[in-house]
PDB file of N, CA and C in Angstrom:
ATOM      1  N   MET A   1      66.039  94.934 125.034  1.00  0.00           N
ATOM      2  CA  MET A   1      67.051  94.018 124.559  1.00  0.00           C
ATOM      3  C   MET A   1      67.788  94.279 125.797  1.00  0.00           C
ATOM      4  N   PHE A   2      68.951  93.168 125.689  1.00  0.00           N
ATOM      5  CA  PHE A   2      69.829  93.387 126.215  1.00  0.00           C
ATOM      6  C   PHE A   2      71.498  92.658 126.668  1.00  0.00           C
ATOM      7  N   SER A   3      72.638  92.853 127.067  1.00  0.00           N
ATOM      8  CA  SER A   3      73.525  92.717 126.494  1.00  0.00           C
ATOM      9  C   SER A   3      74.342  91.856 127.566  1.00  0.00           C
ATOM     10  N   ILE A   4      75.037  90.979 127.681  1.00  0.00           N
ATOM     11  CA  ILE A   4      75.798  90.644 128.302  1.00  0.00           C
ATOM     12  C   ILE A   4      77.118  90.489 128.514  1.00  0.00           C
ATOM     13  N   GLU A   5      78.288  90.978 129.026  1.00  0.00           N
ATOM     14  CA  GLU A   5      80.058  90.599 129.231  1.00  0.00           C
ATOM     15  C   GLU A   5      80.605  90.030 130.195  1.00  0.00           C
ATOM     16  N   HIS A   6      81.371  89.783 129.938  1.00  0.00           N
ATOM     17  CA  HIS A   6      82.589  89.181 130.589  1.00  0.00           C
ATOM     18  C   HIS A   6      83.864  89.651 131.035  1.00  0.00           C
ATOM     19  N   GLU A   7      84.353  90.625 131.552  1.00  0.00           N
ATOM     20  CA  GLU A   7      85.476  90.748 131.925  1.00  0.00           C
ATOM     21  C   GLU A   7      86.323  90.443 133.510  1.00  0.00           C
ATOM     22  N   PHE A   8      87.067  91.633 132.272  1.00  0.00           N
ATOM     23  CA  PHE A   8      87.947  90.549 133.839  1.00  0.00           C
ATOM     24  C   PHE A   8      87.467  91.015 134.316  1.00  0.00           C
ATOM     25  N   ASP A   9      87.375  91.817 135.312  1.00  0.00           N
ATOM     26  CA  ASP A   9      86.902  92.366 136.667  1.00  0.00           C
ATOM     27  C   ASP A   9      85.146  92.371 137.203  1.00  0.00           C
ATOM     28  N   ALA A  10      84.921  92.200 135.927  1.00  0.00           N
ATOM     29  CA  ALA A  10      82.717  92.496 136.348  1.00  0.00           C
ATOM     30  C   ALA A  10      81.748  91.703 135.329  1.00  0.00           C
ATOM     31  N   THR A  11      81.309  91.535 135.134  1.00  0.00           N
ATOM     32  CA  THR A  11      80.314  91.316 134.833  1.00  0.00           C
ATOM     33  C   THR A  11      79.461  92.491 134.409  1.00  0.00           C
ATOM     34  N   VAL A  12      79.558  92.726 132.786  1.00  0.00           N
ATOM     35  CA  VAL A  12      78.921  93.940 132.294  1.00  0.00           C
ATOM     36  C   VAL A  12      77.303  93.223 131.845  1.00  0.00           C
ATOM     37  N   VAL A  13      76.371  93.989 131.820  1.00  0.00           N
ATOM     38  CA  VAL A  13      74.844  94.098 130.935  1.00  0.00           C
ATOM     39  C   VAL A  13      74.636  95.855 130.858  1.00  0.00           C
ATOM     40  N   THR A  14      74.066  95.895 129.342  1.00  0.00           N
ATOM     41  CA  THR A  14      73.525  96.772 129.373  1.00  0.00           C
ATOM     42  C   THR A  14      72.599  96.452 128.326  1.00  0.00           C
ATOM     43  N   LEU A  15      71.150  97.183 129.440  1.00  0.00           N
ATOM     44  CA  LEU A  15      69.518  97.210 128.911  1.00  0.00           C
ATOM     45  C   LEU A  15      69.913  98.880 128.113  1.00  0.00           C
ATOM     46  N   VAL A  16      68.786  97.965 126.679  1.00  0.00           N
ATOM     47  CA  VAL A  16      68.440  99.069 125.383  1.00  0.00           C
ATOM     48  C   VAL A  16      67.436  99.064 126.083  1.00  0.00           C
ATOM     49  N   ASP A  17      66.374 100.232 125.816  1.00  0.00           N
ATOM     50  CA  ASP A  17      64.925 100.798 126.189  1.00  0.00           C
ATOM     51  C   ASP A  17      64.460 100.247 124.522  1.00  0.00           C
ATOM     52  N   GLU A  18      63.841  99.094 124.283  1.00  0.00           N
ATOM     53  CA  GLU A  18      63.377  99.188 123.583  1.00  0.00           C
ATOM     54  C   GLU A  18      62.099  99.294 122.725  1.00  0.00           C
ATOM     55  N   GLY A  19      60.795 100.196 123.380  1.00  0.00           N
ATOM     56  CA  GLY A  19      60.016 100.367 124.456  1.00  0.00           C
ATOM     57  C   GLY A  19      59.321 101.806 123.188  1.00  0.00           C
ATOM     58  N   PRO A  20      57.341 102.258 123.250  1.00  0.00           N
ATOM     59  CA  PRO A  20      58.009 102.739 122.483  1.00  0.00           C
ATOM     60  C   PRO A  20      58.065 104.419 122.966  1.00  0.00           C
ATOM     61  N   SER A  21      58.207 104.851 121.890  1.00  0.00           N
ATOM     62  CA  SER A  21      59.110 106.601 122.041  1.00  0.00           C
ATOM     63  C   SER A  21      58.025 106.999 123.163  1.00  0.00           C
ATOM     64  N   PRO A  22      59.146 107.936 124.345  1.00  0.00           N
ATOM     65  CA  PRO A  22      60.935 107.928 123.449  1.00  0.00           C
ATOM     66  C   PRO A  22      61.473 107.266 124.649  1.00  0.00           C
ATOM     67  N   PHE A  23      62.534 106.858 123.524  1.00  0.00           N
ATOM     68  CA  PHE A  23      62.845 105.970 123.868  1.00  0.00           C
ATOM     69  C   PHE A  23      64.058 106.984 124.838  1.00  0.00           C
ATOM     70  N   ALA A  24      64.571 105.290 126.399  1.00  0.00           N
ATOM     71  CA  ALA A  24      65.658 106.169 127.491  1.00  0.00           C
ATOM     72  C   ALA A  24      66.625 105.641 126.969  1.00  0.00           C
ATOM     73  N   GLU A  25      68.355 106.304 127.525  1.00  0.00           N
ATOM     74  CA  GLU A  25      68.818 105.936 127.041  1.00  0.00           C
ATOM     75  C   GLU A  25      69.514 104.459 127.581  1.00  0.00           C
ATOM     76  N   ASP A  26      70.056 104.218 127.730  1.00  0.00           N
ATOM     77  CA  ASP A  26      70.934 102.671 127.158  1.00  0.00           C
ATOM     78  C   ASP A  26      71.617 102.849 129.040  1.00  0.00           C
ATOM     79  N   VAL A  27      71.165 101.978 129.854  1.00  0.00           N
ATOM     80  CA  VAL A  27      71.550 101.888 131.853  1.00  0.00           C
ATOM     81  C   VAL A  27      72.237 100.101 131.226  1.00  0.00           C
ATOM     82  N   ILE A  28      73.588 100.844 131.710  1.00  0.00           N
ATOM     83  CA  ILE A  28      74.818  99.747 131.791  1.00  0.00           C
ATOM     84  C   ILE A  28      74.897  99.542 133.529  1.00  0.00           C
ATOM     85  N   ILE A  29      74.858  97.723 133.939  1.00  0.00           N
ATOM     86  CA  ILE A  29      75.044  97.952 135.083  1.00  0.00           C
ATOM     87  C   ILE A  29      76.388  96.824 134.713  1.00  0.00           C
ATOM     88  N   ASN A  30      77.258  97.680 136.502  1.00  0.00           N
ATOM     89  CA  ASN A  30      79.036  96.635 136.100  1.00  0.00           C
ATOM     90  C   ASN A  30      79.038  95.791 137.220  1.00  0.00           C
ATOM     91  N   ALA A  31      78.578  94.764 137.266  1.00  0.00           N
ATOM     92  CA  ALA A  31      78.816  93.610 138.538  1.00  0.00           C
ATOM     93  C   ALA A  31      80.540  93.361 139.217  1.00  0.00           C
ATOM     94  N   PHE A  32      80.350  93.467 139.899  1.00  0.00           N
ATOM     95  CA  PHE A  32      82.027  93.710 140.859  1.00  0.00           C
ATOM     96  C   PHE A  32      81.529  92.595 141.880  1.00  0.00           C
ATOM     97  N   GLU A  33      82.580  92.163 142.570  1.00  0.00           N
ATOM     98  CA  GLU A  33      82.994  91.122 143.320  1.00  0.00           C
ATOM     99  C   GLU A  33      82.032  91.789 144.622  1.00  0.00           C
ATOM    100  N   ASP A  34      82.309  93.028 145.457  1.00  0.00           N
ATOM    101  CA  ASP A  34      82.261  93.817 146.458  1.00  0.00           C
ATOM    102  C   ASP A  34      80.876  94.886 146.357  1.00  0.00           C
ATOM    103  N   CYS A  35      80.985  95.536 144.801  1.00  0.00           N
ATOM    104  CA  CYS A  35      79.660  95.888 145.159  1.00  0.00           C
ATOM    105  C   CYS A  35      78.663  95.855 142.784  1.00  0.00           C
ATOM    106  N   VAL A  36      77.658  96.525 142.192  1.00  0.00           N
ATOM    107  CA  VAL A  36      76.876  96.910 141.726  1.00  0.00           C
ATOM    108  C   VAL A  36      77.136  98.591 141.206  1.00  0.00           C
ATOM    109  N   THR A  37      77.626  98.466 139.922  1.00  0.00           N
ATOM    110  CA  THR A  37      77.119 100.615 139.211  1.00  0.00           C
ATOM    111  C   THR A  37      76.222 100.529 138.524  1.00  0.00           C
ATOM    112  N   LEU A  38      75.238 100.903 138.400  1.00  0.00           N
ATOM    113  CA  LEU A  38      74.701 101.333 137.537  1.00  0.00           C
ATOM    114  C   LEU A  38      74.344 102.683 137.075  1.00  0.00           C
ATOM    115  N   GLU A  39      75.430 102.902 135.345  1.00  0.00           N
ATOM    116  CA  GLU A  39      75.093 104.415 135.070  1.00  0.00           C
ATOM    117  C   GLU A  39      74.088 104.366 133.732  1.00  0.00           C
ATOM    118  N   GLN A  40      73.760 106.041 133.156  1.00  0.00           N
ATOM    119  CA  GLN A  40      73.030 106.018 132.652  1.00  0.00           C
ATOM    120  C   GLN A  40      73.589 107.526 131.837  1.00  0.00           C
ATOM    121  N   TYR A  41      73.778 108.073 130.800  1.00  0.00           N
ATOM    122  CA  TYR A  41      73.302 109.219 129.588  1.00  0.00           C
ATOM    123  C   TYR A  41      72.363 110.053 130.130  1.00  0.00           C
ATOM    124  N   ASP A  42      73.042 111.281 131.333  1.00  0.00           N
ATOM    125  CA  ASP A  42      71.337 112.629 131.400  1.00  0.00           C
ATOM    126  C   ASP A  42      72.078 113.496 129.899  1.00  0.00           C
ATOM    127  N   GLN A  43      70.904 113.767 129.224  1.00  0.00           N
ATOM    128  CA  GLN A  43      71.469 114.491 128.366  1.00  0.00           C
ATOM    129  C   GLN A  43      70.993 115.642 128.582  1.00  0.00           C
ATOM    130  N   ARG A  44      70.131 116.620 129.809  1.00  0.00           N
ATOM    131  CA  ARG A  44      70.184 117.305 130.571  1.00  0.00           C
ATOM    132  C   ARG A  44      71.310 118.202 131.015  1.00  0.00           C
ATOM    133  N   THR A  45      72.220 116.989 131.171  1.00  0.00           N
ATOM    134  CA  THR A  45      73.645 117.465 132.106  1.00  0.00           C
ATOM    135  C   THR A  45      75.200 117.445 130.685  1.00  0.00           C
ATOM    136  N   ASP A  46      73.852 116.301 130.424  1.00  0.00           N
ATOM    137  CA  ASP A  46      75.748 115.567 129.294  1.00  0.00           C
ATOM    138  C   ASP A  46      76.495 114.824 129.904  1.00  0.00           C
ATOM    139  N   GLN A  47      76.451 114.849 131.739  1.00  0.00           N
ATOM    140  CA  GLN A  47      77.037 113.718 132.037  1.00  0.00           C
ATOM    141  C   GLN A  47      77.207 112.018 132.156  1.00  0.00           C
ATOM    142  N   VAL A  48      77.581 111.611 132.477  1.00  0.00           N
ATOM    143  CA  VAL A  48      76.977 110.034 132.560  1.00  0.00           C
ATOM    144  C   VAL A  48      76.820 109.427 134.141  1.00  0.00           C
ATOM    145  N   MET A  49      75.037 109.399 134.607  1.00  0.00           N
ATOM    146  CA  MET A  49      75.073 109.161 136.295  1.00  0.00           C
ATOM    147  C   MET A  49      75.762 109.170 136.666  1.00  0.00           C
ATOM    148  N   LYS A  50      75.482 108.129 137.744  1.00  0.00           N
ATOM    149  CA  LYS A  50      76.228 106.650 137.815  1.00  0.00           C
ATOM    150  C   LYS A  50      76.282 106.450 139.919  1.00  0.00           C
ATOM    151  N   VAL A  51      75.029 105.077 139.976  1.00  0.00           N
ATOM    152  CA  VAL A  51      74.220 105.394 141.274  1.00  0.00           C
ATOM    153  C   VAL A  51      75.225 103.650 141.720  1.00  0.00           C
ATOM    154  N   THR A  52      76.351 103.900 142.709  1.00  0.00           N
ATOM    155  CA  THR A  52      76.560 102.141 143.634  1.00  0.00           C
ATOM    156  C   THR A  52      76.129 101.755 144.326  1.00  0.00           C
ATOM    157  N   LEU A  53      75.580 100.238 144.336  1.00  0.00           N
ATOM    158  CA  LEU A  53      74.846  99.513 145.042  1.00  0.00           C
ATOM    159  C   LEU A  53      75.759  98.904 146.220  1.00  0.00           C
ATOM    160  N   SER A  54      76.049  98.424 147.089  1.00  0.00           N
ATOM    161  CA  SER A  54      76.769  97.397 147.883  1.00  0.00           C
ATOM    162  C   SER A  54      75.644  96.154 147.687  1.00  0.00           C
ATOM    163  N   LEU A  55      76.397  94.760 147.450  1.00  0.00           N
ATOM    164  CA  LEU A  55      76.094  93.829 148.266  1.00  0.00           C
ATOM    165  C   LEU A  55      74.881  93.334 149.283  1.00  0.00           C
ATOM    166  N   SER A  56      74.623  93.466 149.892  1.00  0.00           N
ATOM    167  CA  SER A  56      73.669  94.367 151.365  1.00  0.00           C
ATOM    168  C   SER A  56      72.204  94.677 150.307  1.00  0.00           C
ATOM    169  N   GLN A  57      72.688  95.974 149.628  1.00  0.00           N
ATOM    170  CA  GLN A  57      72.010  97.944 149.210  1.00  0.00           C
ATOM    171  C   GLN A  57      70.787  96.257 148.219  1.00  0.00           C
ATOM    172  N   LEU A  58      72.056  95.536 147.035  1.00  0.00           N
ATOM    173  CA  LEU A  58      71.160  95.491 146.185  1.00  0.00           C
ATOM    174  C   LEU A  58      70.367  93.878 146.433  1.00  0.00           C
ATOM    175  N   ARG A  59      71.270  93.043 147.616  1.00  0.00           N
ATOM    176  CA  ARG A  59      69.818  91.514 148.276  1.00  0.00           C
ATOM    177  C   ARG A  59      68.466  92.549 148.764  1.00  0.00           C
ATOM    178  N   ASP A  60      68.381  93.719 149.493  1.00  0.00           N
ATOM    179  CA  ASP A  60      67.057  94.117 149.904  1.00  0.00           C
ATOM    180  C   ASP A  60      66.278  94.662 149.050  1.00  0.00           C
ATOM    181  N   LEU A  61      66.888  95.231 147.891  1.00  0.00           N
ATOM    182  CA  LEU A  61      66.564  95.420 145.948  1.00  0.00           C
ATOM    183  C   LEU A  61      65.818  94.671 145.856  1.00  0.00           C
ATOM    184  N   GLY A  62      65.762  93.787 145.733  1.00  0.00           N
ATOM    185  CA  GLY A  62      65.343  92.104 144.766  1.00  0.00           C
ATOM    186  C   GLY A  62      65.184  92.006 145.704  1.00  0.00           C
ATOM    187  N   ALA A  63      64.769  92.040 147.332  1.00  0.00           N
ATOM    188  CA  ALA A  63      63.776  91.581 148.136  1.00  0.00           C
ATOM    189  C   ALA A  63      62.277  92.194 147.963  1.00  0.00           C
ATOM    190  N   ALA A  64      63.083  92.980 147.831  1.00  0.00           N
ATOM    191  CA  ALA A  64      61.488  94.870 148.291  1.00  0.00           C
ATOM    192  C   ALA A  64      60.617  94.276 146.530  1.00  0.00           C
ATOM    193  N   LEU A  65      61.145  94.029 145.143  1.00  0.00           N
ATOM    194  CA  LEU A  65      60.498  94.183 144.008  1.00  0.00           C
ATOM    195  C   LEU A  65      59.371  93.443 144.532  1.00  0.00           C
ATOM    196  N   ASP A  66      59.353  91.892 145.684  1.00  0.00           N
ATOM    197  CA  ASP A  66      58.469  90.742 145.242  1.00  0.00           C
ATOM    198  C   ASP A  66      57.904  91.449 147.185  1.00  0.00           C
ATOM    199  N   LEU A  67      58.105  92.614 147.590  1.00  0.00           N
ATOM    200  CA  LEU A  67      56.600  93.269 148.838  1.00  0.00           C
ATOM    201  C   LEU A  67      56.141  94.607 148.454  1.00  0.00           C
ATOM    202  N   PRO A  68      54.469  94.229 149.645  1.00  0.00           N
ATOM    203  CA  PRO A  68      54.425  95.659 149.494  1.00  0.00           C
ATOM    204  C   PRO A  68      54.915  97.075 150.606  1.00  0.00           C
ATOM    205  N   GLU A  69      54.291  97.689 150.415  1.00  0.00           N
ATOM    206  CA  GLU A  69      54.984  98.667 151.675  1.00  0.00           C
ATOM    207  C   GLU A  69      55.081  98.451 152.851  1.00  0.00           C
ATOM    208  N   GLY A  70      56.113  98.470 153.570  1.00  0.00           N
ATOM    209  CA  GLY A  70      56.421  99.036 154.547  1.00  0.00           C
ATOM    210  C   GLY A  70      57.980  99.464 154.602  1.00  0.00           C
ATOM    211  N   VAL A  71      58.277  98.962 156.107  1.00  0.00           N
ATOM    212  CA  VAL A  71      60.272  99.319 156.051  1.00  0.00           C
ATOM    213  C   VAL A  71      59.940  97.797 156.658  1.00  0.00           C
ATOM    214  N   TYR A  72      61.084  97.388 155.930  1.00  0.00           N
ATOM    215  CA  TYR A  72      61.755  95.409 156.334  1.00  0.00           C
ATOM    216  C   TYR A  72      63.865  95.545 156.590  1.00  0.00           C
ATOM    217  N   THR A  73      63.574  94.562 157.107  1.00  0.00           N
ATOM    218  CA  THR A  73      64.805  94.595 157.767  1.00  0.00           C
ATOM    219  C   THR A  73      65.107  93.059 157.251  1.00  0.00           C
ATOM    220  N   LEU A  74      65.845  92.278 156.874  1.00  0.00           N
ATOM    221  CA  LEU A  74      66.418  90.417 155.655  1.00  0.00           C
ATOM    222  C   LEU A  74      67.277  90.219 157.068  1.00  0.00           C
ATOM    223  N   ARG A  75      66.942  89.193 157.287  1.00  0.00           N
ATOM    224  CA  ARG A  75      67.616  88.199 158.334  1.00  0.00           C
ATOM    225  C   ARG A  75      67.726  87.147 157.505  1.00  0.00           C
ATOM    226  N   ARG A  76      69.242  87.003 157.722  1.00  0.00           N
ATOM    227  CA  ARG A  76      69.529  84.995 157.160  1.00  0.00           C
ATOM    228  C   ARG A  76      68.662  83.842 158.102  1.00  0.00           C
ATOM    229  N   ALA A  77      68.133  82.913 157.010  1.00  0.00           N
ATOM    230  CA  ALA A  77      68.082  82.000 157.223  1.00  0.00           C
ATOM    231  C   ALA A  77      68.678  81.234 158.962  1.00  0.00           C
ATOM    232  N   GLU A  78      68.133  80.598 159.722  1.00  0.00           N
ATOM    233  CA  GLU A  78      69.129  80.479 160.456  1.00  0.00           C
ATOM    234  C   GLU A  78      69.139  78.199 159.897  1.00  0.00           C
ATOM    235  N   ALA A  79      70.192  77.992 160.297  1.00  0.00           N
ATOM    236  CA  ALA A  79      70.805  76.346 159.578  1.00  0.00           C
ATOM    237  C   ALA A  79      69.783  75.336 160.692  1.00  0.00           C
TER     238      ALA A  79
END
């Protein structure tokens, strides 16, 4: 299950784990104009862990999900 909320400066997507237990903590994704952050509560440290991706890193992650092992560089298609 997930929810989408449009706030003033970001779109917020929350991913809720509905699979077999043990359940993972919710993942909150904040999409800003210049970056994307991912947050998840860590029970071991009692803190919210946060990762920030640039838009370039996010593009690379999206491409990596459909590629086999290897090292790649994405280039824009020339018109």
